[in-house]
Amino acid sequence: MLRLTEVALLCAAVEPDRRPKVQDIVRMIEEIAAGTVDGPEPAGQH
């Protein structure tokens, strides 16, 4: 959930040129859904 919130914050950047492209957003969300993003494992997933 934290990673998805981080993506949302990128999309809400004040300056439009600092926002990611749609294809990049899709890729990030797909990586989150697939669990291929580096980071701590969610509780209970060990």
PDB file of N, CA and C in Angstrom:
ATOM      1  N   MET A   1       0.826  -1.187   0.000  1.00  0.00           N
ATOM      2  CA  MET A   1       0.000   0.000   0.000  1.00  0.00           C
ATOM      3  C   MET A   1       0.872   1.253   0.000  1.00  0.00           C
ATOM      4  N   LEU A   2       1.987   1.215   0.687  1.00  0.00           N
ATOM      5  CA  LEU A   2       2.884   2.371   0.736  1.00  0.00           C
ATOM      6  C   LEU A   2       3.425   2.696  -0.649  1.00  0.00           C
ATOM      7  N   ARG A   3       3.815   1.694  -1.396  1.00  0.00           N
ATOM      8  CA  ARG A   3       4.360   1.925  -2.743  1.00  0.00           C
ATOM      9  C   ARG A   3       3.307   2.560  -3.659  1.00  0.00           C
ATOM     10  N   LEU A   4       2.081   2.116  -3.543  1.00  0.00           N
ATOM     11  CA  LEU A   4       1.009   2.683  -4.360  1.00  0.00           C
ATOM     12  C   LEU A   4       0.766   4.146  -3.989  1.00  0.00           C
ATOM     13  N   THR A   5       0.884   4.457  -2.717  1.00  0.00           N
ATOM     14  CA  THR A   5       0.758   5.845  -2.268  1.00  0.00           C
ATOM     15  C   THR A   5       1.891   6.689  -2.831  1.00  0.00           C
ATOM     16  N   GLU A   6       3.082   6.130  -2.889  1.00  0.00           N
ATOM     17  CA  GLU A   6       4.222   6.860  -3.465  1.00  0.00           C
ATOM     18  C   GLU A   6       3.979   7.166  -4.941  1.00  0.00           C
ATOM     19  N   VAL A   7       3.408   6.211  -5.672  1.00  0.00           N
ATOM     20  CA  VAL A   7       3.080   6.437  -7.084  1.00  0.00           C
ATOM     21  C   VAL A   7       2.044   7.553  -7.189  1.00  0.00           C
ATOM     22  N   ALA A   8       1.044   7.516  -6.332  1.00  0.00           N
ATOM     23  CA  ALA A   8       0.007   8.553  -6.348  1.00  0.00           C
ATOM     24  C   ALA A   8       0.608   9.932  -6.093  1.00  0.00           C
ATOM     25  N   LEU A   9       1.554  10.019  -5.185  1.00  0.00           N
ATOM     26  CA  LEU A   9       2.201  11.305  -4.904  1.00  0.00           C
ATOM     27  C   LEU A   9       2.994  11.800  -6.108  1.00  0.00           C
ATOM     28  N   LEU A  10       3.629  10.901  -6.824  1.00  0.00           N
ATOM     29  CA  LEU A  10       4.335  11.301  -8.045  1.00  0.00           C
ATOM     30  C   LEU A  10       3.357  11.890  -9.055  1.00  0.00           C
ATOM     31  N   CYS A  11       2.188  11.286  -9.149  1.00  0.00           N
ATOM     32  CA  CYS A  11       1.173  11.746 -10.104  1.00  0.00           C
ATOM     33  C   CYS A  11       0.592  13.101  -9.718  1.00  0.00           C
ATOM     34  N   ALA A  12       0.703  13.450  -8.451  1.00  0.00           N
ATOM     35  CA  ALA A  12       0.125  14.702  -7.960  1.00  0.00           C
ATOM     36  C   ALA A  12       1.153  15.824  -7.860  1.00  0.00           C
ATOM     37  N   ALA A  13       2.309  15.651  -8.483  1.00  0.00           N
ATOM     38  CA  ALA A  13       3.342  16.693  -8.440  1.00  0.00           C
ATOM     39  C   ALA A  13       2.767  18.015  -8.939  1.00  0.00           C
ATOM     40  N   VAL A  14       3.136  19.094  -8.278  1.00  0.00           N
ATOM     41  CA  VAL A  14       2.623  20.420  -8.630  1.00  0.00           C
ATOM     42  C   VAL A  14       3.007  20.796 -10.055  1.00  0.00           C
ATOM     43  N   GLU A  15       4.243  20.529 -10.422  1.00  0.00           N
ATOM     44  CA  GLU A  15       4.720  20.857 -11.768  1.00  0.00           C
ATOM     45  C   GLU A  15       4.411  19.690 -12.710  1.00  0.00           C
ATOM     46  N   PRO A  16       3.600  19.929 -13.739  1.00  0.00           N
ATOM     47  CA  PRO A  16       3.211  18.843 -14.650  1.00  0.00           C
ATOM     48  C   PRO A  16       4.388  18.096 -15.275  1.00  0.00           C
ATOM     49  N   ASP A  17       5.481  18.784 -15.564  1.00  0.00           N
ATOM     50  CA  ASP A  17       6.623  18.111 -16.194  1.00  0.00           C
ATOM     51  C   ASP A  17       7.362  17.186 -15.234  1.00  0.00           C
ATOM     52  N   ARG A  18       7.031  17.233 -13.956  1.00  0.00           N
ATOM     53  CA  ARG A  18       7.645  16.343 -12.967  1.00  0.00           C
ATOM     54  C   ARG A  18       6.793  15.098 -12.724  1.00  0.00           C
ATOM     55  N   ARG A  19       5.622  15.032 -13.338  1.00  0.00           N
ATOM     56  CA  ARG A  19       4.741  13.867 -13.198  1.00  0.00           C
ATOM     57  C   ARG A  19       5.188  12.773 -14.167  1.00  0.00           C
ATOM     58  N   PRO A  20       5.085  11.511 -13.748  1.00  0.00           N
ATOM     59  CA  PRO A  20       5.479  10.421 -14.652  1.00  0.00           C
ATOM     60  C   PRO A  20       4.493  10.269 -15.806  1.00  0.00           C
ATOM     61  N   LYS A  21       4.980   9.677 -16.876  1.00  0.00           N
ATOM     62  CA  LYS A  21       4.128   9.384 -18.031  1.00  0.00           C
ATOM     63  C   LYS A  21       3.206   8.221 -17.679  1.00  0.00           C
ATOM     64  N   VAL A  22       2.079   8.147 -18.365  1.00  0.00           N
ATOM     65  CA  VAL A  22       1.095   7.102 -18.080  1.00  0.00           C
ATOM     66  C   VAL A  22       1.712   5.712 -18.204  1.00  0.00           C
ATOM     67  N   GLN A  23       2.512   5.487 -19.236  1.00  0.00           N
ATOM     68  CA  GLN A  23       3.107   4.151 -19.400  1.00  0.00           C
ATOM     69  C   GLN A  23       4.048   3.814 -18.238  1.00  0.00           C
ATOM     70  N   ASP A  24       4.701   4.827 -17.669  1.00  0.00           N
ATOM     71  CA  ASP A  24       5.561   4.595 -16.510  1.00  0.00           C
ATOM     72  C   ASP A  24       4.727   4.263 -15.271  1.00  0.00           C
ATOM     73  N   ILE A  25       3.595   4.943 -15.130  1.00  0.00           N
ATOM     74  CA  ILE A  25       2.697   4.666 -14.004  1.00  0.00           C
ATOM     75  C   ILE A  25       2.182   3.235 -14.095  1.00  0.00           C
ATOM     76  N   VAL A  26       1.768   2.833 -15.286  1.00  0.00           N
ATOM     77  CA  VAL A  26       1.269   1.466 -15.489  1.00  0.00           C
ATOM     78  C   VAL A  26       2.349   0.457 -15.126  1.00  0.00           C
ATOM     79  N   ARG A  27       3.581   0.696 -15.583  1.00  0.00           N
ATOM     80  CA  ARG A  27       4.686  -0.221 -15.277  1.00  0.00           C
ATOM     81  C   ARG A  27       4.910  -0.312 -13.769  1.00  0.00           C
ATOM     82  N   MET A  28       4.909   0.842 -13.084  1.00  0.00           N
ATOM     83  CA  MET A  28       5.121   0.847 -11.632  1.00  0.00           C
ATOM     84  C   MET A  28       4.033   0.053 -10.919  1.00  0.00           C
ATOM     85  N   ILE A  29       2.777   0.256 -11.327  1.00  0.00           N
ATOM     86  CA  ILE A  29       1.670  -0.457 -10.693  1.00  0.00           C
ATOM     87  C   ILE A  29       1.759  -1.954 -10.977  1.00  0.00           C
ATOM     88  N   GLU A  30       2.134  -2.324 -12.194  1.00  0.00           N
ATOM     89  CA  GLU A  30       2.294  -3.746 -12.520  1.00  0.00           C
ATOM     90  C   GLU A  30       3.399  -4.375 -11.680  1.00  0.00           C
ATOM     91  N   GLU A  31       4.493  -3.645 -11.476  1.00  0.00           N
ATOM     92  CA  GLU A  31       5.585  -4.160 -10.647  1.00  0.00           C
ATOM     93  C   GLU A  31       5.138  -4.325  -9.200  1.00  0.00           C
ATOM     94  N   ILE A  32       4.364  -3.376  -8.712  1.00  0.00           N
ATOM     95  CA  ILE A  32       3.844  -3.475  -7.347  1.00  0.00           C
ATOM     96  C   ILE A  32       2.941  -4.700  -7.235  1.00  0.00           C
ATOM     97  N   ALA A  33       2.041  -4.868  -8.195  1.00  0.00           N
ATOM     98  CA  ALA A  33       1.104  -5.995  -8.173  1.00  0.00           C
ATOM     99  C   ALA A  33       1.829  -7.331  -8.269  1.00  0.00           C
ATOM    100  N   ALA A  34       2.912  -7.367  -9.041  1.00  0.00           N
ATOM    101  CA  ALA A  34       3.668  -8.608  -9.213  1.00  0.00           C
ATOM    102  C   ALA A  34       4.612  -8.873  -8.051  1.00  0.00           C
ATOM    103  N   GLY A  35       4.816  -7.869  -7.212  1.00  0.00           N
ATOM    104  CA  GLY A  35       5.713  -8.032  -6.080  1.00  0.00           C
ATOM    105  C   GLY A  35       7.171  -7.969  -6.468  1.00  0.00           C
ATOM    106  N   THR A  36       7.492  -7.317  -7.598  1.00  0.00           N
ATOM    107  CA  THR A  36       8.877  -7.255  -8.054  1.00  0.00           C
ATOM    108  C   THR A  36       9.586  -5.979  -7.637  1.00  0.00           C
ATOM    109  N   VAL A  37       8.945  -5.165  -6.822  1.00  0.00           N
ATOM    110  CA  VAL A  37       9.564  -3.925  -6.359  1.00  0.00           C
ATOM    111  C   VAL A  37      10.394  -4.240  -5.129  1.00  0.00           C
ATOM    112  N   ASP A  38      11.625  -3.741  -5.086  1.00  0.00           N
ATOM    113  CA  ASP A  38      12.474  -3.950  -3.920  1.00  0.00           C
ATOM    114  C   ASP A  38      11.885  -3.226  -2.720  1.00  0.00           C
ATOM    115  N   GLY A  39      12.044  -3.825  -1.578  1.00  0.00           N
ATOM    116  CA  GLY A  39      11.561  -3.195  -0.354  1.00  0.00           C
ATOM    117  C   GLY A  39      11.216  -4.263   0.656  1.00  0.00           C
ATOM    118  N   PRO A  40      10.804  -3.841   1.831  1.00  0.00           N
ATOM    119  CA  PRO A  40      10.463  -4.816   2.869  1.00  0.00           C
ATOM    120  C   PRO A  40       9.242  -5.630   2.479  1.00  0.00           C
ATOM    121  N   GLU A  41       9.251  -6.890   2.903  1.00  0.00           N
ATOM    122  CA  GLU A  41       8.113  -7.752   2.632  1.00  0.00           C
ATOM    123  C   GLU A  41       6.963  -7.365   3.550  1.00  0.00           C
ATOM    124  N   PRO A  42       5.736  -7.453   3.057  1.00  0.00           N
ATOM    125  CA  PRO A  42       4.584  -7.176   3.919  1.00  0.00           C
ATOM    126  C   PRO A  42       4.522  -8.175   5.064  1.00  0.00           C
ATOM    127  N   ALA A  43       3.988  -7.768   6.188  1.00  0.00           N
ATOM    128  CA  ALA A  43       3.867  -8.644   7.351  1.00  0.00           C
ATOM    129  C   ALA A  43       3.081  -9.891   6.975  1.00  0.00           C
ATOM    130  N   GLY A  44       3.532 -11.035   7.453  1.00  0.00           N
ATOM    131  CA  GLY A  44       2.849 -12.285   7.183  1.00  0.00           C
ATOM    132  C   GLY A  44       3.221 -12.923   5.855  1.00  0.00           C
ATOM    133  N   GLN A  45       4.142 -12.347   5.116  1.00  0.00           N
ATOM    134  CA  GLN A  45       4.535 -12.876   3.810  1.00  0.00           C
ATOM    135  C   GLN A  45       5.903 -13.550   3.849  1.00  0.00           C
ATOM    136  N   HIS A  46       6.427 -13.828   5.016  1.00  0.00           N
ATOM    137  CA  HIS A  46       7.781 -14.390   5.146  1.00  0.00           C
ATOM    138  C   HIS A  46       7.789 -15.846   4.825  1.00  0.00           C
TER     139      HIS A  46
END
